Every structure is written in C-alpha cells, then in structure tokens.
C-alpha cells in the first residue's frame, strides 16, 4: 500500500503535491486540536468534561474522514 502511494505521489504534478501536503497538514492540525481539547487541563473555554470529549471526538472524527479522503484519492 505504501509503495502504491509513493508511486502515485511521484506521478502528481507540483500543484497536486502541494495540495496533498496541505491536506496532510490540516489532517494533523484537526487531530492534534481534538487531542488538545480532550486532554488539556486549563482549557480556556468553560466547558464540562462531557462536552469537551464530544467536541474533541468530533474533531478527531473529522480528521479521520479527511485522512481517508487523502488515502483513497487515486487521481
């Protein structure tokens, strides 16, 4: 699978590689932000723990959907 991804990456134009990089960057951003919301002790917004877990889980779920869209993109 990784070999297929690497070959597909080499076929992409410079613009497509840049967009792939931006997609991976935002996947990581949403994933880390979700973890921060869940595990940060001094969270600046006043939310109870249940709401924080739900919001963090929503952000992590969105990050995983973005990741699956990146992986399944065969163009």
PDB file of N, CA and C in Angstrom:
ATOM      1  N   UNK A   1       0.830  -1.190   0.000  1.00  0.00           N
ATOM      2  CA  UNK A   1       0.000   0.000   0.000  1.00  0.00           C
ATOM      3  C   UNK A   1       0.876   1.256   0.000  1.00  0.00           C
ATOM      4  N   UNK A   2       1.929   1.240   0.795  1.00  0.00           N
ATOM      5  CA  UNK A   2       2.812   2.397   0.862  1.00  0.00           C
ATOM      6  C   UNK A   2       3.564   2.591  -0.450  1.00  0.00           C
ATOM      7  N   UNK A   3       3.926   1.465  -1.084  1.00  0.00           N
ATOM      8  CA  UNK A   3       4.609   1.539  -2.368  1.00  0.00           C
ATOM      9  C   UNK A   3       3.687   2.137  -3.432  1.00  0.00           C
ATOM     10  N   UNK A   4       2.416   1.747  -3.411  1.00  0.00           N
ATOM     11  CA  UNK A   4       1.435   2.306  -4.354  1.00  0.00           C
ATOM     12  C   UNK A   4       1.266   3.808  -4.114  1.00  0.00           C
ATOM     13  N   UNK A   5       1.206   4.203  -2.855  1.00  0.00           N
ATOM     14  CA  UNK A   5       1.071   5.615  -2.512  1.00  0.00           C
ATOM     15  C   UNK A   5       2.287   6.409  -3.005  1.00  0.00           C
ATOM     16  N   UNK A   6       3.479   5.845  -2.841  1.00  0.00           N
ATOM     17  CA  UNK A   6       4.698   6.530  -3.269  1.00  0.00           C
ATOM     18  C   UNK A   6       4.743   6.679  -4.794  1.00  0.00           C
ATOM     19  N   UNK A   7       4.378   5.622  -5.519  1.00  0.00           N
ATOM     20  CA  UNK A   7       4.344   5.712  -6.987  1.00  0.00           C
ATOM     21  C   UNK A   7       3.314   6.728  -7.451  1.00  0.00           C
ATOM     22  N   UNK A   8       2.172   6.749  -6.803  1.00  0.00           N
ATOM     23  CA  UNK A   8       1.127   7.713  -7.146  1.00  0.00           C
ATOM     24  C   UNK A   8       1.584   9.135  -6.835  1.00  0.00           C
ATOM     25  N   UNK A   9       2.343   9.295  -5.748  1.00  0.00           N
ATOM     26  CA  UNK A   9       2.861  10.608  -5.373  1.00  0.00           C
ATOM     27  C   UNK A   9       3.847  11.123  -6.421  1.00  0.00           C
ATOM     28  N   UNK A  10       4.666  10.233  -6.968  1.00  0.00           N
ATOM     29  CA  UNK A  10       5.649  10.635  -7.974  1.00  0.00           C
ATOM     30  C   UNK A  10       4.982  11.069  -9.279  1.00  0.00           C
ATOM     31  N   UNK A  11       3.802  10.543  -9.583  1.00  0.00           N
ATOM     32  CA  UNK A  11       3.103  10.885 -10.818  1.00  0.00           C
ATOM     33  C   UNK A  11       2.410  12.244 -10.741  1.00  0.00           C
ATOM     34  N   UNK A  12       2.229  12.762  -9.535  1.00  0.00           N
ATOM     35  CA  UNK A  12       1.489  14.007  -9.363  1.00  0.00           C
ATOM     36  C   UNK A  12       2.299  15.215  -9.827  1.00  0.00           C
ATOM     37  N   UNK A  13       1.583  16.233 -10.266  1.00  0.00           N
ATOM     38  CA  UNK A  13       2.242  17.489 -10.629  1.00  0.00           C
ATOM     39  C   UNK A  13       2.627  18.239  -9.355  1.00  0.00           C
ATOM     40  N   UNK A  14       3.350  19.314  -9.519  1.00  0.00           N
ATOM     41  CA  UNK A  14       3.781  20.107  -8.369  1.00  0.00           C
ATOM     42  C   UNK A  14       2.583  20.681  -7.614  1.00  0.00           C
ATOM     43  N   UNK A  15       1.564  21.111  -8.342  1.00  0.00           N
ATOM     44  CA  UNK A  15       0.353  21.648  -7.714  1.00  0.00           C
ATOM     45  C   UNK A  15      -0.359  20.562  -6.905  1.00  0.00           C
ATOM     46  N   UNK A  16      -0.467  19.362  -7.463  1.00  0.00           N
ATOM     47  CA  UNK A  16      -1.139  18.273  -6.748  1.00  0.00           C
ATOM     48  C   UNK A  16      -0.348  17.846  -5.516  1.00  0.00           C
ATOM     49  N   UNK A  17       0.980  17.863  -5.605  1.00  0.00           N
ATOM     50  CA  UNK A  17       1.800  17.532  -4.437  1.00  0.00           C
ATOM     51  C   UNK A  17       1.615  18.575  -3.330  1.00  0.00           C
ATOM     52  N   UNK A  18       1.555  19.839  -3.710  1.00  0.00           N
ATOM     53  CA  UNK A  18       1.338  20.900  -2.726  1.00  0.00           C
ATOM     54  C   UNK A  18      -0.021  20.733  -2.048  1.00  0.00           C
ATOM     55  N   UNK A  19      -1.050  20.440  -2.823  1.00  0.00           N
ATOM     56  CA  UNK A  19      -2.379  20.245  -2.239  1.00  0.00           C
ATOM     57  C   UNK A  19      -2.416  19.012  -1.336  1.00  0.00           C
ATOM     58  N   UNK A  20      -1.673  17.970  -1.695  1.00  0.00           N
ATOM     59  CA  UNK A  20      -1.572  16.792  -0.836  1.00  0.00           C
ATOM     60  C   UNK A  20      -0.894  17.156   0.481  1.00  0.00           C
ATOM     61  N   UNK A  21       0.171  17.939   0.408  1.00  0.00           N
ATOM     62  CA  UNK A  21       0.867  18.384   1.615  1.00  0.00           C
ATOM     63  C   UNK A  21      -0.063  19.207   2.506  1.00  0.00           C
ATOM     64  N   UNK A  22      -0.818  20.113   1.911  1.00  0.00           N
ATOM     65  CA  UNK A  22      -1.763  20.928   2.684  1.00  0.00           C
ATOM     66  C   UNK A  22      -2.838  20.042   3.316  1.00  0.00           C
ATOM     67  N   UNK A  23      -3.317  19.040   2.579  1.00  0.00           N
ATOM     68  CA  UNK A  23      -4.314  18.112   3.125  1.00  0.00           C
ATOM     69  C   UNK A  23      -3.786  17.350   4.321  1.00  0.00           C
ATOM     70  N   UNK A  24      -2.545  16.867   4.228  1.00  0.00           N
ATOM     71  CA  UNK A  24      -1.943  16.143   5.349  1.00  0.00           C
ATOM     72  C   UNK A  24      -1.720  17.078   6.533  1.00  0.00           C
ATOM     73  N   UNK A  25      -1.305  18.302   6.252  1.00  0.00           N
ATOM     74  CA  UNK A  25      -1.097  19.292   7.304  1.00  0.00           C
ATOM     75  C   UNK A  25      -2.390  19.577   8.071  1.00  0.00           C
ATOM     76  N   UNK A  26      -3.488  19.758   7.347  1.00  0.00           N
ATOM     77  CA  UNK A  26      -4.750  20.038   8.023  1.00  0.00           C
ATOM     78  C   UNK A  26      -5.302  18.805   8.738  1.00  0.00           C
ATOM     79  N   UNK A  27      -5.036  17.603   8.209  1.00  0.00           N
ATOM     80  CA  UNK A  27      -5.403  16.391   8.934  1.00  0.00           C
ATOM     81  C   UNK A  27      -4.717  16.380  10.295  1.00  0.00           C
ATOM     82  N   UNK A  28      -3.412  16.644  10.303  1.00  0.00           N
ATOM     83  CA  UNK A  28      -2.675  16.661  11.567  1.00  0.00           C
ATOM     84  C   UNK A  28      -3.153  17.774  12.487  1.00  0.00           C
ATOM     85  N   UNK A  29      -3.479  18.925  11.919  1.00  0.00           N
ATOM     86  CA  UNK A  29      -3.966  20.052  12.707  1.00  0.00           C
ATOM     87  C   UNK A  29      -5.266  19.700  13.430  1.00  0.00           C
ATOM     88  N   UNK A  30      -6.242  19.137  12.705  1.00  0.00           N
ATOM     89  CA  UNK A  30      -7.512  18.773  13.333  1.00  0.00           C
ATOM     90  C   UNK A  30      -7.335  17.669  14.369  1.00  0.00           C
ATOM     91  N   UNK A  31      -6.464  16.710  14.073  1.00  0.00           N
ATOM     92  CA  UNK A  31      -6.247  15.605  15.005  1.00  0.00           C
ATOM     93  C   UNK A  31      -5.631  16.104  16.314  1.00  0.00           C
ATOM     94  N   UNK A  32      -4.589  16.925  16.210  1.00  0.00           N
ATOM     95  CA  UNK A  32      -3.925  17.454  17.413  1.00  0.00           C
ATOM     96  C   UNK A  32      -4.853  18.402  18.168  1.00  0.00           C
ATOM     97  N   UNK A  33      -5.632  19.195  17.449  1.00  0.00           N
ATOM     98  CA  UNK A  33      -6.575  20.095  18.111  1.00  0.00           C
ATOM     99  C   UNK A  33      -7.619  19.306  18.898  1.00  0.00           C
ATOM    100  N   UNK A  34      -8.094  18.205  18.331  1.00  0.00           N
ATOM    101  CA  UNK A  34      -9.034  17.350  19.058  1.00  0.00           C
ATOM    102  C   UNK A  34      -8.419  16.773  20.320  1.00  0.00           C
ATOM    103  N   UNK A  35      -7.158  16.348  20.242  1.00  0.00           N
ATOM    104  CA  UNK A  35      -6.480  15.830  21.432  1.00  0.00           C
ATOM    105  C   UNK A  35      -6.278  16.918  22.476  1.00  0.00           C
ATOM    106  N   UNK A  36      -5.943  18.134  22.024  1.00  0.00           N
ATOM    107  CA  UNK A  36      -5.797  19.250  22.965  1.00  0.00           C
ATOM    108  C   UNK A  36      -7.106  19.536  23.688  1.00  0.00           C
ATOM    109  N   UNK A  37      -8.199  19.539  22.965  1.00  0.00           N
ATOM    110  CA  UNK A  37      -9.494  19.833  23.586  1.00  0.00           C
ATOM    111  C   UNK A  37      -9.820  18.786  24.642  1.00  0.00           C
ATOM    112  N   UNK A  38      -9.520  17.538  24.368  1.00  0.00           N
ATOM    113  CA  UNK A  38      -9.853  16.481  25.318  1.00  0.00           C
ATOM    114  C   UNK A  38      -8.914  16.480  26.530  1.00  0.00           C
ATOM    115  N   UNK A  39      -7.600  16.598  26.306  1.00  0.00           N
ATOM    116  CA  UNK A  39      -6.643  16.351  27.377  1.00  0.00           C
ATOM    117  C   UNK A  39      -6.042  17.596  28.029  1.00  0.00           C
ATOM    118  N   UNK A  40      -6.339  18.780  27.557  1.00  0.00           N
ATOM    119  CA  UNK A  40      -5.762  19.989  28.144  1.00  0.00           C
ATOM    120  C   UNK A  40      -6.422  20.282  29.495  1.00  0.00           C
ATOM    121  N   UNK A  41      -5.599  20.468  30.516  1.00  0.00           N
ATOM    122  CA  UNK A  41      -6.127  20.692  31.873  1.00  0.00           C
ATOM    123  C   UNK A  41      -6.755  22.078  32.021  1.00  0.00           C
ATOM    124  N   UNK A  42      -6.074  23.132  31.588  1.00  0.00           N
ATOM    125  CA  UNK A  42      -6.568  24.506  31.724  1.00  0.00           C
ATOM    126  C   UNK A  42      -7.150  24.976  30.402  1.00  0.00           C
ATOM    127  N   UNK A  43      -8.269  24.411  30.024  1.00  0.00           N
ATOM    128  CA  UNK A  43      -8.894  24.770  28.753  1.00  0.00           C
ATOM    129  C   UNK A  43      -9.504  26.161  28.878  1.00  0.00           C
ATOM    130  N   UNK A  44      -9.220  27.076  27.936  1.00  0.00           N
ATOM    131  CA  UNK A  44      -9.651  28.477  28.101  1.00  0.00           C
ATOM    132  C   UNK A  44     -11.161  28.690  28.000  1.00  0.00           C
ATOM    133  N   UNK A  45     -11.893  27.778  27.388  1.00  0.00           N
ATOM    134  CA  UNK A  45     -13.343  27.923  27.274  1.00  0.00           C
ATOM    135  C   UNK A  45     -13.986  27.084  28.380  1.00  0.00           C
ATOM    136  N   UNK A  46     -14.954  27.649  29.065  1.00  0.00           N
ATOM    137  CA  UNK A  46     -15.608  26.969  30.174  1.00  0.00           C
ATOM    138  C   UNK A  46     -16.590  25.920  29.637  1.00  0.00           C
ATOM    139  N   UNK A  47     -16.140  24.659  29.591  1.00  0.00           N
ATOM    140  CA  UNK A  47     -16.974  23.539  29.137  1.00  0.00           C
ATOM    141  C   UNK A  47     -16.827  22.403  30.152  1.00  0.00           C
ATOM    142  N   UNK A  48     -17.890  21.643  30.341  1.00  0.00           N
ATOM    143  CA  UNK A  48     -17.748  20.469  31.197  1.00  0.00           C
ATOM    144  C   UNK A  48     -17.031  19.364  30.422  1.00  0.00           C
ATOM    145  N   UNK A  49     -16.573  18.340  31.128  1.00  0.00           N
ATOM    146  CA  UNK A  49     -15.730  17.315  30.516  1.00  0.00           C
ATOM    147  C   UNK A  49     -16.473  16.529  29.436  1.00  0.00           C
ATOM    148  N   UNK A  50     -17.758  16.300  29.607  1.00  0.00           N
ATOM    149  CA  UNK A  50     -18.524  15.561  28.602  1.00  0.00           C
ATOM    150  C   UNK A  50     -18.581  16.316  27.280  1.00  0.00           C
ATOM    151  N   UNK A  51     -18.798  17.607  27.343  1.00  0.00           N
ATOM    152  CA  UNK A  51     -18.833  18.422  26.126  1.00  0.00           C
ATOM    153  C   UNK A  51     -17.456  18.494  25.476  1.00  0.00           C
ATOM    154  N   UNK A  52     -16.411  18.559  26.293  1.00  0.00           N
ATOM    155  CA  UNK A  52     -15.057  18.590  25.741  1.00  0.00           C
ATOM    156  C   UNK A  52     -14.716  17.293  25.031  1.00  0.00           C
ATOM    157  N   UNK A  53     -15.097  16.166  25.613  1.00  0.00           N
ATOM    158  CA  UNK A  53     -14.839  14.872  24.974  1.00  0.00           C
ATOM    159  C   UNK A  53     -15.632  14.759  23.681  1.00  0.00           C
ATOM    160  N   UNK A  54     -16.883  15.211  23.690  1.00  0.00           N
ATOM    161  CA  UNK A  54     -17.704  15.152  22.473  1.00  0.00           C
ATOM    162  C   UNK A  54     -17.126  16.048  21.379  1.00  0.00           C
ATOM    163  N   UNK A  55     -16.723  17.264  21.721  1.00  0.00           N
ATOM    164  CA  UNK A  55     -16.158  18.181  20.733  1.00  0.00           C
ATOM    165  C   UNK A  55     -14.811  17.688  20.218  1.00  0.00           C
ATOM    166  N   UNK A  56     -13.970  17.185  21.110  1.00  0.00           N
ATOM    167  CA  UNK A  56     -12.684  16.625  20.696  1.00  0.00           C
ATOM    168  C   UNK A  56     -12.860  15.400  19.830  1.00  0.00           C
ATOM    169  N   UNK A  57     -13.824  14.558  20.172  1.00  0.00           N
ATOM    170  CA  UNK A  57     -14.115  13.377  19.355  1.00  0.00           C
ATOM    171  C   UNK A  57     -14.628  13.758  17.979  1.00  0.00           C
ATOM    172  N   UNK A  58     -15.417  14.812  17.920  1.00  0.00           N
ATOM    173  CA  UNK A  58     -15.910  15.302  16.631  1.00  0.00           C
ATOM    174  C   UNK A  58     -14.749  15.796  15.763  1.00  0.00           C
ATOM    175  N   UNK A  59     -13.816  16.524  16.359  1.00  0.00           N
ATOM    176  CA  UNK A  59     -12.653  16.992  15.609  1.00  0.00           C
ATOM    177  C   UNK A  59     -11.769  15.835  15.138  1.00  0.00           C
ATOM    178  N   UNK A  60     -11.568  14.843  15.986  1.00  0.00           N
ATOM    179  CA  UNK A  60     -10.762  13.682  15.599  1.00  0.00           C
ATOM    180  C   UNK A  60     -11.473  12.881  14.513  1.00  0.00           C
ATOM    181  N   UNK A  61     -12.792  12.744  14.625  1.00  0.00           N
ATOM    182  CA  UNK A  61     -13.558  12.056  13.584  1.00  0.00           C
ATOM    183  C   UNK A  61     -13.461  12.763  12.247  1.00  0.00           C
ATOM    184  N   UNK A  62     -13.526  14.093  12.262  1.00  0.00           N
ATOM    185  CA  UNK A  62     -13.390  14.862  11.025  1.00  0.00           C
ATOM    186  C   UNK A  62     -11.988  14.703  10.441  1.00  0.00           C
ATOM    187  N   UNK A  63     -10.983  14.652  11.315  1.00  0.00           N
ATOM    188  CA  UNK A  63      -9.610  14.442  10.847  1.00  0.00           C
ATOM    189  C   UNK A  63      -9.469  13.074  10.182  1.00  0.00           C
ATOM    190  N   UNK A  64     -10.101  12.054  10.744  1.00  0.00           N
ATOM    191  CA  UNK A  64     -10.026  10.721  10.146  1.00  0.00           C
ATOM    192  C   UNK A  64     -10.741  10.668   8.801  1.00  0.00           C
ATOM    193  N   UNK A  65     -11.850  11.385   8.662  1.00  0.00           N
ATOM    194  CA  UNK A  65     -12.538  11.451   7.369  1.00  0.00           C
ATOM    195  C   UNK A  65     -11.647  12.126   6.339  1.00  0.00           C
ATOM    196  N   UNK A  66     -10.970  13.194   6.723  1.00  0.00           N
ATOM    197  CA  UNK A  66     -10.033  13.865   5.804  1.00  0.00           C
ATOM    198  C   UNK A  66      -8.896  12.929   5.417  1.00  0.00           C
ATOM    199  N   UNK A  67      -8.390  12.153   6.380  1.00  0.00           N
ATOM    200  CA  UNK A  67      -7.318  11.217   6.102  1.00  0.00           C
ATOM    201  C   UNK A  67      -7.765  10.145   5.110  1.00  0.00           C
ATOM    202  N   UNK A  68      -8.962   9.616   5.298  1.00  0.00           N
ATOM    203  CA  UNK A  68      -9.471   8.601   4.372  1.00  0.00           C
ATOM    204  C   UNK A  68      -9.660   9.169   2.972  1.00  0.00           C
ATOM    205  N   UNK A  69     -10.064  10.428   2.860  1.00  0.00           N
ATOM    206  CA  UNK A  69     -10.205  11.049   1.546  1.00  0.00           C
ATOM    207  C   UNK A  69      -8.849  11.223   0.882  1.00  0.00           C
ATOM    208  N   UNK A  70      -7.813  11.524   1.666  1.00  0.00           N
ATOM    209  CA  UNK A  70      -6.458  11.652   1.103  1.00  0.00           C
ATOM    210  C   UNK A  70      -5.941  10.313   0.620  1.00  0.00           C
ATOM    211  N   UNK A  71      -6.135   9.262   1.436  1.00  0.00           N
ATOM    212  CA  UNK A  71      -5.627   7.938   1.096  1.00  0.00           C
ATOM    213  C   UNK A  71      -6.354   7.364  -0.122  1.00  0.00           C
ATOM    214  N   UNK A  72      -7.652   7.576  -0.210  1.00  0.00           N
ATOM    215  CA  UNK A  72      -8.435   6.997  -1.303  1.00  0.00           C
ATOM    216  C   UNK A  72      -8.379   7.792  -2.589  1.00  0.00           C
ATOM    217  N   UNK A  73      -7.697   8.932  -2.600  1.00  0.00           N
ATOM    218  CA  UNK A  73      -7.582   9.741  -3.805  1.00  0.00           C
ATOM    219  C   UNK A  73      -6.558   9.108  -4.737  1.00  0.00           C
ATOM    220  N   UNK A  74      -7.003   8.503  -5.830  1.00  0.00           N
ATOM    221  CA  UNK A  74      -6.118   7.792  -6.754  1.00  0.00           C
ATOM    222  C   UNK A  74      -5.859   8.577  -8.020  1.00  0.00           C
ATOM    223  N   UNK A  75      -6.258   9.826  -8.078  1.00  0.00           N
ATOM    224  CA  UNK A  75      -6.055  10.605  -9.306  1.00  0.00           C
ATOM    225  C   UNK A  75      -4.613  11.012  -9.475  1.00  0.00           C
TER     226      UNK A  75
END
